[in-house]
Amino acid sequence: MPASIEEDLIRAATRGFSRIFVLWLLSHGSLSGYGIMKKMENLTKRSLNSGTMYPVLYELERGGLIVGEWARKGRRMIKYYYITEEGSKVLENVRELFGKTIGKILLEFLGRI
C-alpha cells in the first residue's frame, strides 16, 4: 500500500476516534486543549494538530458533552475542559457498544497483527 494511502487511513481513523478518546481522557480529569493533544500523542505516538483538535473540542462542547472553563495560569488564560454528566453517559454507552460488538472485532483484528 502506498505510504500516502496508509497515512490517510491512519489519519481518518485517528480523527474518527478522537471524540471518544477526548471524552475518555476527560473522564480522568480536566485538561487544556494542549494537554489533551499531548496526552493523545504520548498514548498513541501520533500527533494530532490543533486544526483537528479544537474543532473536536468545539463540537463536543456545543453538544453538551464537555464544558470549558477559563482559568488564569501566570499571565495567560487557559481553557480547561471537563466532561459533563451527559458526556459520561455517552462514554458509558460507547463502552457498552465496544464491549458487545466492536470490541470483539478489534480484538480479532489486533490478534492478527
PDB file of N, CA and C in Angstrom:
ATOM      1  N   MET A   1       0.854  -1.179   0.000  1.00  0.00           N
ATOM      2  CA  MET A   1       0.000   0.000   0.000  1.00  0.00           C
ATOM      3  C   MET A   1       0.895   1.235   0.000  1.00  0.00           C
ATOM      4  N   PRO A   2       0.635   2.174  -0.885  1.00  0.00           N
ATOM      5  CA  PRO A   2       1.429   3.410  -0.892  1.00  0.00           C
ATOM      6  C   PRO A   2       1.332   4.131   0.447  1.00  0.00           C
ATOM      7  N   ALA A   3       2.443   4.737   0.837  1.00  0.00           N
ATOM      8  CA  ALA A   3       2.511   5.410   2.141  1.00  0.00           C
ATOM      9  C   ALA A   3       1.434   6.461   2.305  1.00  0.00           C
ATOM     10  N   SER A   4       1.102   7.191   1.250  1.00  0.00           N
ATOM     11  CA  SER A   4       0.104   8.253   1.381  1.00  0.00           C
ATOM     12  C   SER A   4      -1.282   7.687   1.680  1.00  0.00           C
ATOM     13  N   ILE A   5      -1.627   6.558   1.091  1.00  0.00           N
ATOM     14  CA  ILE A   5      -2.922   5.933   1.370  1.00  0.00           C
ATOM     15  C   ILE A   5      -2.942   5.410   2.801  1.00  0.00           C
ATOM     16  N   GLU A   6      -1.857   4.778   3.199  1.00  0.00           N
ATOM     17  CA  GLU A   6      -1.760   4.274   4.566  1.00  0.00           C
ATOM     18  C   GLU A   6      -1.877   5.422   5.563  1.00  0.00           C
ATOM     19  N   GLU A   7      -1.172   6.494   5.304  1.00  0.00           N
ATOM     20  CA  GLU A   7      -1.221   7.664   6.187  1.00  0.00           C
ATOM     21  C   GLU A   7      -2.626   8.253   6.225  1.00  0.00           C
ATOM     22  N   ASP A   8      -3.309   8.305   5.096  1.00  0.00           N
ATOM     23  CA  ASP A   8      -4.690   8.803   5.041  1.00  0.00           C
ATOM     24  C   ASP A   8      -5.621   7.935   5.881  1.00  0.00           C
ATOM     25  N   LEU A   9      -5.464   6.612   5.800  1.00  0.00           N
ATOM     26  CA  LEU A   9      -6.297   5.700   6.594  1.00  0.00           C
ATOM     27  C   LEU A   9      -6.046   5.886   8.086  1.00  0.00           C
ATOM     28  N   ILE A  10      -4.793   6.006   8.451  1.00  0.00           N
ATOM     29  CA  ILE A  10      -4.454   6.207   9.864  1.00  0.00           C
ATOM     30  C   ILE A  10      -5.000   7.540  10.359  1.00  0.00           C
ATOM     31  N   ARG A  11      -4.856   8.573   9.553  1.00  0.00           N
ATOM     32  CA  ARG A  11      -5.355   9.902   9.931  1.00  0.00           C
ATOM     33  C   ARG A  11      -6.876   9.883  10.097  1.00  0.00           C
ATOM     34  N   ALA A  12      -7.583   9.224   9.182  1.00  0.00           N
ATOM     35  CA  ALA A  12      -9.047   9.146   9.259  1.00  0.00           C
ATOM     36  C   ALA A  12      -9.484   8.378  10.502  1.00  0.00           C
ATOM     37  N   ALA A  13      -8.800   7.286  10.808  1.00  0.00           N
ATOM     38  CA  ALA A  13      -9.144   6.506  11.999  1.00  0.00           C
ATOM     39  C   ALA A  13      -8.892   7.318  13.262  1.00  0.00           C
ATOM     40  N   THR A  14      -7.790   8.050  13.283  1.00  0.00           N
ATOM     41  CA  THR A  14      -7.465   8.883  14.445  1.00  0.00           C
ATOM     42  C   THR A  14      -8.510   9.968  14.641  1.00  0.00           C
ATOM     43  N   ARG A  15      -8.879  10.632  13.550  1.00  0.00           N
ATOM     44  CA  ARG A  15      -9.899  11.690  13.651  1.00  0.00           C
ATOM     45  C   ARG A  15     -11.234  11.113  14.107  1.00  0.00           C
ATOM     46  N   GLY A  16     -11.611   9.969  13.561  1.00  0.00           N
ATOM     47  CA  GLY A  16     -12.891   9.365  13.919  1.00  0.00           C
ATOM     48  C   GLY A  16     -12.951   8.940  15.373  1.00  0.00           C
ATOM     49  N   PHE A  17     -11.828   8.481  15.889  1.00  0.00           N
ATOM     50  CA  PHE A  17     -11.787   8.002  17.265  1.00  0.00           C
ATOM     51  C   PHE A  17     -11.520   9.127  18.258  1.00  0.00           C
ATOM     52  N   SER A  18     -11.121  10.287  17.780  1.00  0.00           N
ATOM     53  CA  SER A  18     -10.679  11.358  18.672  1.00  0.00           C
ATOM     54  C   SER A  18     -11.772  11.846  19.619  1.00  0.00           C
ATOM     55  N   ARG A  19     -13.015  11.861  19.192  1.00  0.00           N
ATOM     56  CA  ARG A  19     -14.097  12.321  20.071  1.00  0.00           C
ATOM     57  C   ARG A  19     -14.233  11.417  21.291  1.00  0.00           C
ATOM     58  N   ILE A  20     -14.216  10.112  21.040  1.00  0.00           N
ATOM     59  CA  ILE A  20     -14.312   9.147  22.135  1.00  0.00           C
ATOM     60  C   ILE A  20     -13.081   9.263  23.024  1.00  0.00           C
ATOM     61  N   PHE A  21     -11.935   9.392  22.398  1.00  0.00           N
ATOM     62  CA  PHE A  21     -10.681   9.494  23.132  1.00  0.00           C
ATOM     63  C   PHE A  21     -10.680  10.721  24.038  1.00  0.00           C
ATOM     64  N   VAL A  22     -11.164  11.845  23.544  1.00  0.00           N
ATOM     65  CA  VAL A  22     -11.234  13.074  24.348  1.00  0.00           C
ATOM     66  C   VAL A  22     -12.153  12.854  25.547  1.00  0.00           C
ATOM     67  N   LEU A  23     -13.318  12.266  25.328  1.00  0.00           N
ATOM     68  CA  LEU A  23     -14.229  12.001  26.444  1.00  0.00           C
ATOM     69  C   LEU A  23     -13.560  11.100  27.480  1.00  0.00           C
ATOM     70  N   TRP A  24     -12.873  10.071  27.002  1.00  0.00           N
ATOM     71  CA  TRP A  24     -12.202   9.147  27.915  1.00  0.00           C
ATOM     72  C   TRP A  24     -11.122   9.875  28.718  1.00  0.00           C
ATOM     73  N   LEU A  25     -10.304  10.682  28.040  1.00  0.00           N
ATOM     74  CA  LEU A  25      -9.262  11.430  28.750  1.00  0.00           C
ATOM     75  C   LEU A  25      -9.866  12.346  29.807  1.00  0.00           C
ATOM     76  N   LEU A  26     -10.936  13.051  29.445  1.00  0.00           N
ATOM     77  CA  LEU A  26     -11.555  13.992  30.388  1.00  0.00           C
ATOM     78  C   LEU A  26     -12.303  13.277  31.510  1.00  0.00           C
ATOM     79  N   SER A  27     -12.637  12.013  31.315  1.00  0.00           N
ATOM     80  CA  SER A  27     -13.274  11.258  32.401  1.00  0.00           C
ATOM     81  C   SER A  27     -12.281  11.019  33.537  1.00  0.00           C
ATOM     82  N   HIS A  28     -10.990  11.230  33.270  1.00  0.00           N
ATOM     83  CA  HIS A  28      -9.951  11.075  34.284  1.00  0.00           C
ATOM     84  C   HIS A  28      -9.539  12.406  34.909  1.00  0.00           C
ATOM     85  N   GLY A  29     -10.110  13.508  34.426  1.00  0.00           N
ATOM     86  CA  GLY A  29      -9.790  14.811  34.992  1.00  0.00           C
ATOM     87  C   GLY A  29      -9.717  15.878  33.919  1.00  0.00           C
ATOM     88  N   SER A  30      -9.742  17.129  34.347  1.00  0.00           N
ATOM     89  CA  SER A  30      -9.751  18.245  33.402  1.00  0.00           C
ATOM     90  C   SER A  30      -8.390  18.393  32.725  1.00  0.00           C
ATOM     91  N   LEU A  31      -8.441  18.894  31.487  1.00  0.00           N
ATOM     92  CA  LEU A  31      -7.229  19.147  30.709  1.00  0.00           C
ATOM     93  C   LEU A  31      -7.463  20.341  29.804  1.00  0.00           C
ATOM     94  N   SER A  32      -6.394  21.024  29.467  1.00  0.00           N
ATOM     95  CA  SER A  32      -6.470  22.071  28.443  1.00  0.00           C
ATOM     96  C   SER A  32      -6.437  21.395  27.075  1.00  0.00           C
ATOM     97  N   GLY A  33      -6.746  22.145  26.032  1.00  0.00           N
ATOM     98  CA  GLY A  33      -6.669  21.592  24.684  1.00  0.00           C
ATOM     99  C   GLY A  33      -5.271  21.084  24.381  1.00  0.00           C
ATOM    100  N   TYR A  34      -4.271  21.872  24.755  1.00  0.00           N
ATOM    101  CA  TYR A  34      -2.881  21.459  24.558  1.00  0.00           C
ATOM    102  C   TYR A  34      -2.577  20.192  25.361  1.00  0.00           C
ATOM    103  N   GLY A  35      -3.077  20.137  26.590  1.00  0.00           N
ATOM    104  CA  GLY A  35      -2.868  18.961  27.436  1.00  0.00           C
ATOM    105  C   GLY A  35      -3.485  17.713  26.826  1.00  0.00           C
ATOM    106  N   ILE A  36      -4.658  17.869  26.228  1.00  0.00           N
ATOM    107  CA  ILE A  36      -5.313  16.738  25.563  1.00  0.00           C
ATOM    108  C   ILE A  36      -4.456  16.269  24.393  1.00  0.00           C
ATOM    109  N   MET A  37      -3.975  17.206  23.585  1.00  0.00           N
ATOM    110  CA  MET A  37      -3.144  16.835  22.430  1.00  0.00           C
ATOM    111  C   MET A  37      -1.873  16.110  22.874  1.00  0.00           C
ATOM    112  N   LYS A  38      -1.232  16.589  23.941  1.00  0.00           N
ATOM    113  CA  LYS A  38      -0.005  15.952  24.423  1.00  0.00           C
ATOM    114  C   LYS A  38      -0.288  14.558  24.970  1.00  0.00           C
ATOM    115  N   LYS A  39      -1.381  14.395  25.712  1.00  0.00           N
ATOM    116  CA  LYS A  39      -1.728  13.062  26.241  1.00  0.00           C
ATOM    117  C   LYS A  39      -2.004  12.097  25.099  1.00  0.00           C
ATOM    118  N   MET A  40      -2.757  12.562  24.097  1.00  0.00           N
ATOM    119  CA  MET A  40      -3.055  11.706  22.950  1.00  0.00           C
ATOM    120  C   MET A  40      -1.765  11.304  22.244  1.00  0.00           C
ATOM    121  N   GLU A  41      -0.867  12.260  22.083  1.00  0.00           N
ATOM    122  CA  GLU A  41       0.407  11.977  21.415  1.00  0.00           C
ATOM    123  C   GLU A  41       1.233  10.974  22.218  1.00  0.00           C
ATOM    124  N   ASN A  42       1.270  11.142  23.535  1.00  0.00           N
ATOM    125  CA  ASN A  42       2.029  10.222  24.386  1.00  0.00           C
ATOM    126  C   ASN A  42       1.451   8.809  24.353  1.00  0.00           C
ATOM    127  N   LEU A  43       0.139   8.701  24.325  1.00  0.00           N
ATOM    128  CA  LEU A  43      -0.506   7.387  24.342  1.00  0.00           C
ATOM    129  C   LEU A  43      -0.510   6.702  22.986  1.00  0.00           C
ATOM    130  N   THR A  44      -0.623   7.471  21.921  1.00  0.00           N
ATOM    131  CA  THR A  44      -0.758   6.870  20.589  1.00  0.00           C
ATOM    132  C   THR A  44       0.509   6.959  19.752  1.00  0.00           C
ATOM    133  N   LYS A  45       1.458   7.758  20.192  1.00  0.00           N
ATOM    134  CA  LYS A  45       2.685   8.019  19.419  1.00  0.00           C
ATOM    135  C   LYS A  45       2.385   8.674  18.075  1.00  0.00           C
ATOM    136  N   ARG A  46       1.234   9.325  17.986  1.00  0.00           N
ATOM    137  CA  ARG A  46       0.837  10.059  16.785  1.00  0.00           C
ATOM    138  C   ARG A  46       0.392  11.446  17.233  1.00  0.00           C
ATOM    139  N   SER A  47       0.776  12.448  16.487  1.00  0.00           N
ATOM    140  CA  SER A  47       0.385  13.805  16.862  1.00  0.00           C
ATOM    141  C   SER A  47      -0.947  14.167  16.209  1.00  0.00           C
ATOM    142  N   LEU A  48      -1.721  14.928  16.924  1.00  0.00           N
ATOM    143  CA  LEU A  48      -2.986  15.448  16.420  1.00  0.00           C
ATOM    144  C   LEU A  48      -2.852  16.958  16.492  1.00  0.00           C
ATOM    145  N   ASN A  49      -2.936  17.624  15.360  1.00  0.00           N
ATOM    146  CA  ASN A  49      -2.680  19.063  15.357  1.00  0.00           C
ATOM    147  C   ASN A  49      -3.880  19.854  15.869  1.00  0.00           C
ATOM    148  N   SER A  50      -3.625  21.100  16.200  1.00  0.00           N
ATOM    149  CA  SER A  50      -4.672  21.952  16.772  1.00  0.00           C
ATOM    150  C   SER A  50      -5.804  22.198  15.782  1.00  0.00           C
ATOM    151  N   GLY A  51      -5.508  22.164  14.489  1.00  0.00           N
ATOM    152  CA  GLY A  51      -6.549  22.344  13.477  1.00  0.00           C
ATOM    153  C   GLY A  51      -7.544  21.205  13.449  1.00  0.00           C
ATOM    154  N   THR A  52      -7.162  20.068  13.996  1.00  0.00           N
ATOM    155  CA  THR A  52      -8.069  18.927  14.133  1.00  0.00           C
ATOM    156  C   THR A  52      -8.686  18.906  15.526  1.00  0.00           C
ATOM    157  N   MET A  53      -7.868  19.160  16.549  1.00  0.00           N
ATOM    158  CA  MET A  53      -8.323  19.021  17.934  1.00  0.00           C
ATOM    159  C   MET A  53      -9.360  20.060  18.336  1.00  0.00           C
ATOM    160  N   TYR A  54      -9.130  21.321  18.042  1.00  0.00           N
ATOM    161  CA  TYR A  54     -10.040  22.346  18.541  1.00  0.00           C
ATOM    162  C   TYR A  54     -11.435  22.269  17.922  1.00  0.00           C
ATOM    163  N   PRO A  55     -11.593  21.899  16.658  1.00  0.00           N
ATOM    164  CA  PRO A  55     -12.958  21.671  16.154  1.00  0.00           C
ATOM    165  C   PRO A  55     -13.659  20.516  16.874  1.00  0.00           C
ATOM    166  N   VAL A  56     -12.910  19.483  17.253  1.00  0.00           N
ATOM    167  CA  VAL A  56     -13.485  18.368  18.014  1.00  0.00           C
ATOM    168  C   VAL A  56     -13.948  18.868  19.378  1.00  0.00           C
ATOM    169  N   LEU A  57     -13.109  19.650  20.046  1.00  0.00           N
ATOM    170  CA  LEU A  57     -13.487  20.192  21.355  1.00  0.00           C
ATOM    171  C   LEU A  57     -14.709  21.097  21.234  1.00  0.00           C
ATOM    172  N   TYR A  58     -14.730  21.926  20.204  1.00  0.00           N
ATOM    173  CA  TYR A  58     -15.873  22.816  19.979  1.00  0.00           C
ATOM    174  C   TYR A  58     -17.148  22.000  19.759  1.00  0.00           C
ATOM    175  N   GLU A  59     -17.056  20.954  18.953  1.00  0.00           N
ATOM    176  CA  GLU A  59     -18.222  20.107  18.675  1.00  0.00           C
ATOM    177  C   GLU A  59     -18.729  19.428  19.948  1.00  0.00           C
ATOM    178  N   LEU A  60     -17.815  18.888  20.747  1.00  0.00           N
ATOM    179  CA  LEU A  60     -18.210  18.224  21.991  1.00  0.00           C
ATOM    180  C   LEU A  60     -18.798  19.216  22.989  1.00  0.00           C
ATOM    181  N   GLU A  61     -18.231  20.418  23.026  1.00  0.00           N
ATOM    182  CA  GLU A  61     -18.742  21.456  23.930  1.00  0.00           C
ATOM    183  C   GLU A  61     -20.125  21.913  23.480  1.00  0.00           C
ATOM    184  N   ARG A  62     -20.281  22.140  22.198  1.00  0.00           N
ATOM    185  CA  ARG A  62     -21.571  22.569  21.654  1.00  0.00           C
ATOM    186  C   ARG A  62     -22.644  21.500  21.894  1.00  0.00           C
ATOM    187  N   GLY A  63     -22.231  20.232  21.868  1.00  0.00           N
ATOM    188  CA  GLY A  63     -23.162  19.134  22.098  1.00  0.00           C
ATOM    189  C   GLY A  63     -23.453  18.869  23.563  1.00  0.00           C
ATOM    190  N   GLY A  64     -22.807  19.616  24.455  1.00  0.00           N
ATOM    191  CA  GLY A  64     -23.066  19.452  25.883  1.00  0.00           C
ATOM    192  C   GLY A  64     -22.348  18.266  26.513  1.00  0.00           C
ATOM    193  N   LEU A  65     -21.378  17.677  25.800  1.00  0.00           N
ATOM    194  CA  LEU A  65     -20.670  16.520  26.334  1.00  0.00           C
ATOM    195  C   LEU A  65     -19.458  16.920  27.168  1.00  0.00           C
ATOM    196  N   ILE A  66     -18.941  18.115  26.902  1.00  0.00           N
ATOM    197  CA  ILE A  66     -17.863  18.678  27.713  1.00  0.00           C
ATOM    198  C   ILE A  66     -18.176  20.148  27.949  1.00  0.00           C
ATOM    199  N   VAL A  67     -17.501  20.719  28.930  1.00  0.00           N
ATOM    200  CA  VAL A  67     -17.629  22.150  29.188  1.00  0.00           C
ATOM    201  C   VAL A  67     -16.220  22.702  29.373  1.00  0.00           C
ATOM    202  N   GLY A  68     -16.016  23.893  28.857  1.00  0.00           N
ATOM    203  CA  GLY A  68     -14.720  24.544  29.011  1.00  0.00           C
ATOM    204  C   GLY A  68     -14.830  25.727  29.950  1.00  0.00           C
ATOM    205  N   GLU A  69     -13.842  25.867  30.824  1.00  0.00           N
ATOM    206  CA  GLU A  69     -13.800  26.993  31.756  1.00  0.00           C
ATOM    207  C   GLU A  69     -12.417  27.626  31.692  1.00  0.00           C
ATOM    208  N   TRP A  70     -12.409  28.954  31.625  1.00  0.00           N
ATOM    209  CA  TRP A  70     -11.153  29.689  31.558  1.00  0.00           C
ATOM    210  C   TRP A  70     -10.566  29.835  32.954  1.00  0.00           C
ATOM    211  N   ALA A  71      -9.246  29.675  33.041  1.00  0.00           N
ATOM    212  CA  ALA A  71      -8.532  29.853  34.309  1.00  0.00           C
ATOM    213  C   ALA A  71      -7.214  30.565  34.019  1.00  0.00           C
ATOM    214  N   ARG A  72      -6.799  31.358  34.960  1.00  0.00           N
ATOM    215  CA  ARG A  72      -5.541  32.087  34.800  1.00  0.00           C
ATOM    216  C   ARG A  72      -4.388  31.181  35.237  1.00  0.00           C
ATOM    217  N   LYS A  73      -3.367  31.119  34.398  1.00  0.00           N
ATOM    218  CA  LYS A  73      -2.136  30.399  34.737  1.00  0.00           C
ATOM    219  C   LYS A  73      -0.995  31.363  34.459  1.00  0.00           C
ATOM    220  N   GLY A  74      -0.469  31.946  35.529  1.00  0.00           N
ATOM    221  CA  GLY A  74       0.526  33.001  35.358  1.00  0.00           C
ATOM    222  C   GLY A  74      -0.145  34.204  34.729  1.00  0.00           C
ATOM    223  N   ARG A  75       0.375  34.644  33.596  1.00  0.00           N
ATOM    224  CA  ARG A  75      -0.208  35.791  32.894  1.00  0.00           C
ATOM    225  C   ARG A  75      -1.211  35.372  31.831  1.00  0.00           C
ATOM    226  N   ARG A  76      -1.291  34.091  31.586  1.00  0.00           N
ATOM    227  CA  ARG A  76      -2.146  33.618  30.491  1.00  0.00           C
ATOM    228  C   ARG A  76      -3.460  33.052  31.003  1.00  0.00           C
ATOM    229  N   MET A  77      -4.458  33.146  30.152  1.00  0.00           N
ATOM    230  CA  MET A  77      -5.738  32.492  30.411  1.00  0.00           C
ATOM    231  C   MET A  77      -5.741  31.196  29.605  1.00  0.00           C
ATOM    232  N   ILE A  78      -6.064  30.105  30.267  1.00  0.00           N
ATOM    233  CA  ILE A  78      -6.091  28.792  29.621  1.00  0.00           C
ATOM    234  C   ILE A  78      -7.471  28.198  29.825  1.00  0.00           C
ATOM    235  N   LYS A  79      -8.010  27.614  28.773  1.00  0.00           N
ATOM    236  CA  LYS A  79      -9.317  26.983  28.857  1.00  0.00           C
ATOM    237  C   LYS A  79      -9.130  25.509  29.203  1.00  0.00           C
ATOM    238  N   TYR A  80      -9.722  25.111  30.320  1.00  0.00           N
ATOM    239  CA  TYR A  80      -9.684  23.719  30.758  1.00  0.00           C
ATOM    240  C   TYR A  80     -11.040  23.090  30.472  1.00  0.00           C
ATOM    241  N   TYR A  81     -11.000  21.864  30.003  1.00  0.00           N
ATOM    242  CA  TYR A  81     -12.209  21.147  29.626  1.00  0.00           C
ATOM    243  C   TYR A  81     -12.515  20.063  30.645  1.00  0.00           C
ATOM    244  N   TYR A  82     -13.815  19.880  30.894  1.00  0.00           N
ATOM    245  CA  TYR A  82     -14.320  18.882  31.824  1.00  0.00           C
ATOM    246  C   TYR A  82     -15.416  18.094  31.121  1.00  0.00           C
ATOM    247  N   ILE A  83     -15.525  16.813  31.442  1.00  0.00           N
ATOM    248  CA  ILE A  83     -16.620  16.022  30.894  1.00  0.00           C
ATOM    249  C   ILE A  83     -17.878  16.333  31.701  1.00  0.00           C
ATOM    250  N   THR A  84     -19.020  16.397  31.035  1.00  0.00           N
ATOM    251  CA  THR A  84     -20.288  16.647  31.715  1.00  0.00           C
ATOM    252  C   THR A  84     -20.946  15.310  32.057  1.00  0.00           C
ATOM    253  N   GLU A  85     -22.033  15.385  32.798  1.00  0.00           N
ATOM    254  CA  GLU A  85     -22.793  14.174  33.114  1.00  0.00           C
ATOM    255  C   GLU A  85     -23.274  13.509  31.824  1.00  0.00           C
ATOM    256  N   GLU A  86     -23.744  14.326  30.885  1.00  0.00           N
ATOM    257  CA  GLU A  86     -24.190  13.787  29.593  1.00  0.00           C
ATOM    258  C   GLU A  86     -23.026  13.143  28.849  1.00  0.00           C
ATOM    259  N   GLY A  87     -21.864  13.767  28.895  1.00  0.00           N
ATOM    260  CA  GLY A  87     -20.678  13.196  28.261  1.00  0.00           C
ATOM    261  C   GLY A  87     -20.294  11.864  28.883  1.00  0.00           C
ATOM    262  N   SER A  88     -20.432  11.762  30.201  1.00  0.00           N
ATOM    263  CA  SER A  88     -20.145  10.500  30.892  1.00  0.00           C
ATOM    264  C   SER A  88     -21.115   9.410  30.465  1.00  0.00           C
ATOM    265  N   LYS A  89     -22.380   9.776  30.283  1.00  0.00           N
ATOM    266  CA  LYS A  89     -23.377   8.800  29.829  1.00  0.00           C
ATOM    267  C   LYS A  89     -23.056   8.316  28.421  1.00  0.00           C
ATOM    268  N   VAL A  90     -22.706   9.252  27.548  1.00  0.00           N
ATOM    269  CA  VAL A  90     -22.349   8.883  26.172  1.00  0.00           C
ATOM    270  C   VAL A  90     -21.128   7.968  26.182  1.00  0.00           C
ATOM    271  N   LEU A  91     -20.132   8.301  26.974  1.00  0.00           N
ATOM    272  CA  LEU A  91     -18.931   7.474  27.057  1.00  0.00           C
ATOM    273  C   LEU A  91     -19.277   6.069  27.542  1.00  0.00           C
ATOM    274  N   GLU A  92     -20.149   5.965  28.516  1.00  0.00           N
ATOM    275  CA  GLU A  92     -20.564   4.648  29.020  1.00  0.00           C
ATOM    276  C   GLU A  92     -21.305   3.864  27.943  1.00  0.00           C
ATOM    277  N   ASN A  93     -22.162   4.534  27.178  1.00  0.00           N
ATOM    278  CA  ASN A  93     -22.863   3.862  26.077  1.00  0.00           C
ATOM    279  C   ASN A  93     -21.879   3.358  25.027  1.00  0.00           C
ATOM    280  N   VAL A  94     -20.870   4.156  24.739  1.00  0.00           N
ATOM    281  CA  VAL A  94     -19.844   3.742  23.773  1.00  0.00           C
ATOM    282  C   VAL A  94     -19.077   2.540  24.314  1.00  0.00           C
ATOM    283  N   ARG A  95     -18.766   2.559  25.601  1.00  0.00           N
ATOM    284  CA  ARG A  95     -18.072   1.413  26.220  1.00  0.00           C
ATOM    285  C   ARG A  95     -18.899   0.142  26.070  1.00  0.00           C
ATOM    286  N   GLU A  96     -20.192   0.252  26.311  1.00  0.00           N
ATOM    287  CA  GLU A  96     -21.064  -0.916  26.173  1.00  0.00           C
ATOM    288  C   GLU A  96     -21.080  -1.414  24.737  1.00  0.00           C
ATOM    289  N   LEU A  97     -21.198  -0.494  23.788  1.00  0.00           N
ATOM    290  CA  LEU A  97     -21.195  -0.872  22.378  1.00  0.00           C
ATOM    291  C   LEU A  97     -19.877  -1.547  22.006  1.00  0.00           C
ATOM    292  N   PHE A  98     -18.768  -0.958  22.445  1.00  0.00           N
ATOM    293  CA  PHE A  98     -17.468  -1.550  22.142  1.00  0.00           C
ATOM    294  C   PHE A  98     -17.339  -2.919  22.782  1.00  0.00           C
ATOM    295  N   GLY A  99     -17.814  -3.045  24.012  1.00  0.00           N
ATOM    296  CA  GLY A  99     -17.715  -4.318  24.714  1.00  0.00           C
ATOM    297  C   GLY A  99     -18.510  -5.423  24.048  1.00  0.00           C
ATOM    298  N   LYS A 100     -19.646  -5.080  23.492  1.00  0.00           N
ATOM    299  CA  LYS A 100     -20.524  -6.096  22.908  1.00  0.00           C
ATOM    300  C   LYS A 100     -20.159  -6.452  21.477  1.00  0.00           C
ATOM    301  N   THR A 101     -19.796  -5.480  20.674  1.00  0.00           N
ATOM    302  CA  THR A 101     -19.601  -5.767  19.253  1.00  0.00           C
ATOM    303  C   THR A 101     -18.250  -5.316  18.730  1.00  0.00           C
ATOM    304  N   ILE A 102     -18.026  -4.043  18.755  1.00  0.00           N
ATOM    305  CA  ILE A 102     -16.814  -3.503  18.144  1.00  0.00           C
ATOM    306  C   ILE A 102     -15.573  -4.015  18.866  1.00  0.00           C
ATOM    307  N   GLY A 103     -15.662  -4.167  20.176  1.00  0.00           N
ATOM    308  CA  GLY A 103     -14.526  -4.678  20.938  1.00  0.00           C
ATOM    309  C   GLY A 103     -14.098  -6.052  20.467  1.00  0.00           C
ATOM    310  N   LYS A 104     -15.049  -6.912  20.184  1.00  0.00           N
ATOM    311  CA  LYS A 104     -14.732  -8.258  19.692  1.00  0.00           C
ATOM    312  C   LYS A 104     -14.055  -8.191  18.333  1.00  0.00           C
ATOM    313  N   ILE A 105     -14.547  -7.313  17.484  1.00  0.00           N
ATOM    314  CA  ILE A 105     -13.947  -7.148  16.160  1.00  0.00           C
ATOM    315  C   ILE A 105     -12.517  -6.628  16.295  1.00  0.00           C
ATOM    316  N   LEU A 106     -12.331  -5.633  17.152  1.00  0.00           N
ATOM    317  CA  LEU A 106     -10.988  -5.079  17.348  1.00  0.00           C
ATOM    318  C   LEU A 106     -10.032  -6.113  17.935  1.00  0.00           C
ATOM    319  N   LEU A 107     -10.504  -6.909  18.885  1.00  0.00           N
ATOM    320  CA  LEU A 107      -9.644  -7.945  19.452  1.00  0.00           C
ATOM    321  C   LEU A 107      -9.233  -8.947  18.383  1.00  0.00           C
ATOM    322  N   GLU A 108     -10.162  -9.318  17.535  1.00  0.00           N
ATOM    323  CA  GLU A 108      -9.851 -10.230  16.430  1.00  0.00           C
ATOM    324  C   GLU A 108      -8.824  -9.582  15.498  1.00  0.00           C
ATOM    325  N   PHE A 109      -9.061  -8.333  15.150  1.00  0.00           N
ATOM    326  CA  PHE A 109      -8.157  -7.603  14.264  1.00  0.00           C
ATOM    327  C   PHE A 109      -6.768  -7.476  14.882  1.00  0.00           C
ATOM    328  N   LEU A 110      -6.710  -7.053  16.127  1.00  0.00           N
ATOM    329  CA  LEU A 110      -5.428  -6.840  16.789  1.00  0.00           C
ATOM    330  C   LEU A 110      -4.695  -8.149  17.037  1.00  0.00           C
ATOM    331  N   GLY A 111      -5.438  -9.228  17.188  1.00  0.00           N
ATOM    332  CA  GLY A 111      -4.825 -10.532  17.393  1.00  0.00           C
ATOM    333  C   GLY A 111      -4.081 -11.025  16.174  1.00  0.00           C
ATOM    334  N   ARG A 112      -4.402 -10.478  15.020  1.00  0.00           N
ATOM    335  CA  ARG A 112      -3.770 -10.923  13.773  1.00  0.00           C
ATOM    336  C   ARG A 112      -2.601 -10.045  13.361  1.00  0.00           C
ATOM    337  N   ILE A 113      -2.326  -9.022  14.133  1.00  0.00           N
ATOM    338  CA  ILE A 113      -1.206  -8.128  13.781  1.00  0.00           C
ATOM    339  C   ILE A 113       0.104  -8.787  14.157  1.00  0.00           C
TER     340      ILE A 113
END
